[in-house]
Amino acid sequence: MFPEVKEFAFDTPAWNLRTNSFYSKLGYKEIKRDKEFVFYSKNRTLE
């Protein structure tokens, strides 16, 4: 799915601890945090 995409980036509410833990376990890295949101990014390794 989406073979041309090199990076996935998104945000999720900072108060939602379950989703933040879930995305970290999937290998997403926290790139920024503010009062309301945590921003994540993950580079895709192309084969």
PDB file of N, CA and C in Angstrom:
ATOM      1  N   MET A   1       0.840  -1.172   0.000  1.00  0.00           N
ATOM      2  CA  MET A   1       0.000   0.000   0.000  1.00  0.00           C
ATOM      3  C   MET A   1       0.893   1.244   0.000  1.00  0.00           C
ATOM      4  N   PHE A   2       0.647   2.185  -0.859  1.00  0.00           N
ATOM      5  CA  PHE A   2       1.388   3.439  -0.973  1.00  0.00           C
ATOM      6  C   PHE A   2       2.891   3.214  -1.153  1.00  0.00           C
ATOM      7  N   PRO A   3       3.314   2.512  -2.195  1.00  0.00           N
ATOM      8  CA  PRO A   3       4.735   2.190  -2.362  1.00  0.00           C
ATOM      9  C   PRO A   3       5.636   3.401  -2.563  1.00  0.00           C
ATOM     10  N   GLU A   4       5.092   4.530  -3.001  1.00  0.00           N
ATOM     11  CA  GLU A   4       5.915   5.717  -3.252  1.00  0.00           C
ATOM     12  C   GLU A   4       6.176   6.551  -1.994  1.00  0.00           C
ATOM     13  N   VAL A   5       5.496   6.254  -0.917  1.00  0.00           N
ATOM     14  CA  VAL A   5       5.635   7.024   0.324  1.00  0.00           C
ATOM     15  C   VAL A   5       6.934   6.643   1.027  1.00  0.00           C
ATOM     16  N   LYS A   6       7.717   7.666   1.404  1.00  0.00           N
ATOM     17  CA  LYS A   6       8.991   7.437   2.086  1.00  0.00           C
ATOM     18  C   LYS A   6       8.914   7.713   3.578  1.00  0.00           C
ATOM     19  N   GLU A   7       7.917   8.502   3.986  1.00  0.00           N
ATOM     20  CA  GLU A   7       7.782   8.841   5.395  1.00  0.00           C
ATOM     21  C   GLU A   7       6.305   8.986   5.753  1.00  0.00           C
ATOM     22  N   PHE A   8       5.949   8.441   6.906  1.00  0.00           N
ATOM     23  CA  PHE A   8       4.607   8.607   7.449  1.00  0.00           C
ATOM     24  C   PHE A   8       4.704   9.553   8.640  1.00  0.00           C
ATOM     25  N   ALA A   9       3.864  10.573   8.682  1.00  0.00           N
ATOM     26  CA  ALA A   9       3.867  11.535   9.785  1.00  0.00           C
ATOM     27  C   ALA A   9       2.427  11.876  10.147  1.00  0.00           C
ATOM     28  N   PHE A  10       2.182  12.034  11.441  1.00  0.00           N
ATOM     29  CA  PHE A  10       0.836  12.345  11.916  1.00  0.00           C
ATOM     30  C   PHE A  10       0.921  12.855  13.342  1.00  0.00           C
ATOM     31  N   ASP A  11      -0.217  13.272  13.877  1.00  0.00           N
ATOM     32  CA  ASP A  11      -0.275  13.675  15.279  1.00  0.00           C
ATOM     33  C   ASP A  11      -1.425  12.955  15.959  1.00  0.00           C
ATOM     34  N   THR A  12      -1.352  12.910  17.271  1.00  0.00           N
ATOM     35  CA  THR A  12      -2.381  12.283  18.089  1.00  0.00           C
ATOM     36  C   THR A  12      -2.499  13.084  19.384  1.00  0.00           C
ATOM     37  N   PRO A  13      -3.645  13.074  20.028  1.00  0.00           N
ATOM     38  CA  PRO A  13      -3.804  13.861  21.258  1.00  0.00           C
ATOM     39  C   PRO A  13      -2.823  13.425  22.348  1.00  0.00           C
ATOM     40  N   ALA A  14      -2.226  14.380  23.017  1.00  0.00           N
ATOM     41  CA  ALA A  14      -1.253  14.088  24.074  1.00  0.00           C
ATOM     42  C   ALA A  14      -1.904  13.370  25.255  1.00  0.00           C
ATOM     43  N   TRP A  15      -3.170  13.653  25.523  1.00  0.00           N
ATOM     44  CA  TRP A  15      -3.848  13.039  26.667  1.00  0.00           C
ATOM     45  C   TRP A  15      -4.120  11.556  26.469  1.00  0.00           C
ATOM     46  N   ASN A  16      -4.103  11.068  25.231  1.00  0.00           N
ATOM     47  CA  ASN A  16      -4.449   9.676  24.955  1.00  0.00           C
ATOM     48  C   ASN A  16      -3.212   8.781  25.086  1.00  0.00           C
ATOM     49  N   LEU A  17      -2.965   8.293  26.273  1.00  0.00           N
ATOM     50  CA  LEU A  17      -1.770   7.495  26.550  1.00  0.00           C
ATOM     51  C   LEU A  17      -1.755   6.174  25.794  1.00  0.00           C
ATOM     52  N   ARG A  18      -2.904   5.600  25.553  1.00  0.00           N
ATOM     53  CA  ARG A  18      -2.955   4.305  24.854  1.00  0.00           C
ATOM     54  C   ARG A  18      -2.458   4.416  23.421  1.00  0.00           C
ATOM     55  N   THR A  19      -2.899   5.431  22.693  1.00  0.00           N
ATOM     56  CA  THR A  19      -2.446   5.540  21.302  1.00  0.00           C
ATOM     57  C   THR A  19      -0.974   5.932  21.236  1.00  0.00           C
ATOM     58  N   ASN A  20      -0.522   6.766  22.174  1.00  0.00           N
ATOM     59  CA  ASN A  20       0.888   7.145  22.168  1.00  0.00           C
ATOM     60  C   ASN A  20       1.774   5.929  22.415  1.00  0.00           C
ATOM     61  N   SER A  21       1.397   5.079  23.327  1.00  0.00           N
ATOM     62  CA  SER A  21       2.147   3.852  23.593  1.00  0.00           C
ATOM     63  C   SER A  21       2.107   2.917  22.382  1.00  0.00           C
ATOM     64  N   PHE A  22       0.948   2.799  21.768  1.00  0.00           N
ATOM     65  CA  PHE A  22       0.769   1.937  20.599  1.00  0.00           C
ATOM     66  C   PHE A  22       1.675   2.362  19.444  1.00  0.00           C
ATOM     67  N   TYR A  23       1.690   3.647  19.115  1.00  0.00           N
ATOM     68  CA  TYR A  23       2.510   4.120  18.003  1.00  0.00           C
ATOM     69  C   TYR A  23       3.994   3.961  18.292  1.00  0.00           C
ATOM     70  N   SER A  24       4.404   4.147  19.525  1.00  0.00           N
ATOM     71  CA  SER A  24       5.807   3.939  19.891  1.00  0.00           C
ATOM     72  C   SER A  24       6.203   2.479  19.698  1.00  0.00           C
ATOM     73  N   LYS A  25       5.334   1.570  20.081  1.00  0.00           N
ATOM     74  CA  LYS A  25       5.612   0.140  19.908  1.00  0.00           C
ATOM     75  C   LYS A  25       5.703  -0.250  18.443  1.00  0.00           C
ATOM     76  N   LEU A  26       5.021   0.486  17.572  1.00  0.00           N
ATOM     77  CA  LEU A  26       5.074   0.209  16.134  1.00  0.00           C
ATOM     78  C   LEU A  26       6.305   0.816  15.456  1.00  0.00           C
ATOM     79  N   GLY A  27       7.123   1.526  16.225  1.00  0.00           N
ATOM     80  CA  GLY A  27       8.357   2.072  15.676  1.00  0.00           C
ATOM     81  C   GLY A  27       8.296   3.526  15.266  1.00  0.00           C
ATOM     82  N   TYR A  28       7.191   4.191  15.532  1.00  0.00           N
ATOM     83  CA  TYR A  28       7.103   5.619  15.232  1.00  0.00           C
ATOM     84  C   TYR A  28       7.886   6.400  16.274  1.00  0.00           C
ATOM     85  N   LYS A  29       8.588   7.430  15.839  1.00  0.00           N
ATOM     86  CA  LYS A  29       9.393   8.262  16.727  1.00  0.00           C
ATOM     87  C   LYS A  29       8.681   9.574  16.996  1.00  0.00           C
ATOM     88  N   GLU A  30       8.688   9.975  18.244  1.00  0.00           N
ATOM     89  CA  GLU A  30       8.111  11.266  18.611  1.00  0.00           C
ATOM     90  C   GLU A  30       9.042  12.364  18.118  1.00  0.00           C
ATOM     91  N   ILE A  31       8.516  13.266  17.284  1.00  0.00           N
ATOM     92  CA  ILE A  31       9.356  14.332  16.737  1.00  0.00           C
ATOM     93  C   ILE A  31       9.055  15.692  17.353  1.00  0.00           C
ATOM     94  N   LYS A  32       7.887  15.815  17.976  1.00  0.00           N
ATOM     95  CA  LYS A  32       7.503  17.090  18.575  1.00  0.00           C
ATOM     96  C   LYS A  32       6.350  16.852  19.536  1.00  0.00           C
ATOM     97  N   ARG A  33       6.260  17.706  20.544  1.00  0.00           N
ATOM     98  CA  ARG A  33       5.153  17.626  21.502  1.00  0.00           C
ATOM     99  C   ARG A  33       4.785  19.046  21.905  1.00  0.00           C
ATOM    100  N   ASP A  34       3.492  19.314  21.958  1.00  0.00           N
ATOM    101  CA  ASP A  34       3.032  20.587  22.504  1.00  0.00           C
ATOM    102  C   ASP A  34       1.955  20.286  23.544  1.00  0.00           C
ATOM    103  N   LYS A  35       1.219  21.286  23.967  1.00  0.00           N
ATOM    104  CA  LYS A  35       0.218  21.086  25.026  1.00  0.00           C
ATOM    105  C   LYS A  35      -0.860  20.078  24.646  1.00  0.00           C
ATOM    106  N   GLU A  36      -1.225  20.054  23.380  1.00  0.00           N
ATOM    107  CA  GLU A  36      -2.374  19.254  22.967  1.00  0.00           C
ATOM    108  C   GLU A  36      -2.048  18.020  22.141  1.00  0.00           C
ATOM    109  N   PHE A  37      -0.915  18.021  21.424  1.00  0.00           N
ATOM    110  CA  PHE A  37      -0.637  16.943  20.487  1.00  0.00           C
ATOM    111  C   PHE A  37       0.784  16.414  20.604  1.00  0.00           C
ATOM    112  N   VAL A  38       0.924  15.147  20.213  1.00  0.00           N
ATOM    113  CA  VAL A  38       2.232  14.528  20.048  1.00  0.00           C
ATOM    114  C   VAL A  38       2.357  14.206  18.567  1.00  0.00           C
ATOM    115  N   PHE A  39       3.467  14.604  17.964  1.00  0.00           N
ATOM    116  CA  PHE A  39       3.695  14.413  16.537  1.00  0.00           C
ATOM    117  C   PHE A  39       4.669  13.259  16.336  1.00  0.00           C
ATOM    118  N   TYR A  40       4.316  12.348  15.446  1.00  0.00           N
ATOM    119  CA  TYR A  40       5.118  11.159  15.190  1.00  0.00           C
ATOM    120  C   TYR A  40       5.542  11.096  13.732  1.00  0.00           C
ATOM    121  N   SER A  41       6.633  10.374  13.508  1.00  0.00           N
ATOM    122  CA  SER A  41       7.136  10.169  12.160  1.00  0.00           C
ATOM    123  C   SER A  41       7.815   8.807  12.097  1.00  0.00           C
ATOM    124  N   LYS A  42       7.744   8.185  10.923  1.00  0.00           N
ATOM    125  CA  LYS A  42       8.428   6.913  10.696  1.00  0.00           C
ATOM    126  C   LYS A  42       8.873   6.874   9.247  1.00  0.00           C
ATOM    127  N   ASN A  43      10.167   6.638   9.047  1.00  0.00           N
ATOM    128  CA  ASN A  43      10.690   6.502   7.694  1.00  0.00           C
ATOM    129  C   ASN A  43      10.462   5.079   7.218  1.00  0.00           C
ATOM    130  N   ARG A  44      10.111   4.966   5.970  1.00  0.00           N
ATOM    131  CA  ARG A  44       9.865   3.662   5.387  1.00  0.00           C
ATOM    132  C   ARG A  44      11.138   3.169   4.730  1.00  0.00           C
ATOM    133  N   THR A  45      11.509   1.950   5.019  1.00  0.00           N
ATOM    134  CA  THR A  45      12.665   1.358   4.358  1.00  0.00           C
ATOM    135  C   THR A  45      12.171   0.641   3.113  1.00  0.00           C
ATOM    136  N   LEU A  46      12.648   1.088   1.977  1.00  0.00           N
ATOM    137  CA  LEU A  46      12.230   0.499   0.708  1.00  0.00           C
ATOM    138  C   LEU A  46      13.136  -0.665   0.361  1.00  0.00           C
ATOM    139  N   GLU A  47      12.546  -1.716  -0.132  1.00  0.00           N
ATOM    140  CA  GLU A  47      13.311  -2.911  -0.490  1.00  0.00           C
ATOM    141  C   GLU A  47      13.758  -2.853  -1.926  1.00  0.00           C
TER     142      GLU A  47
END
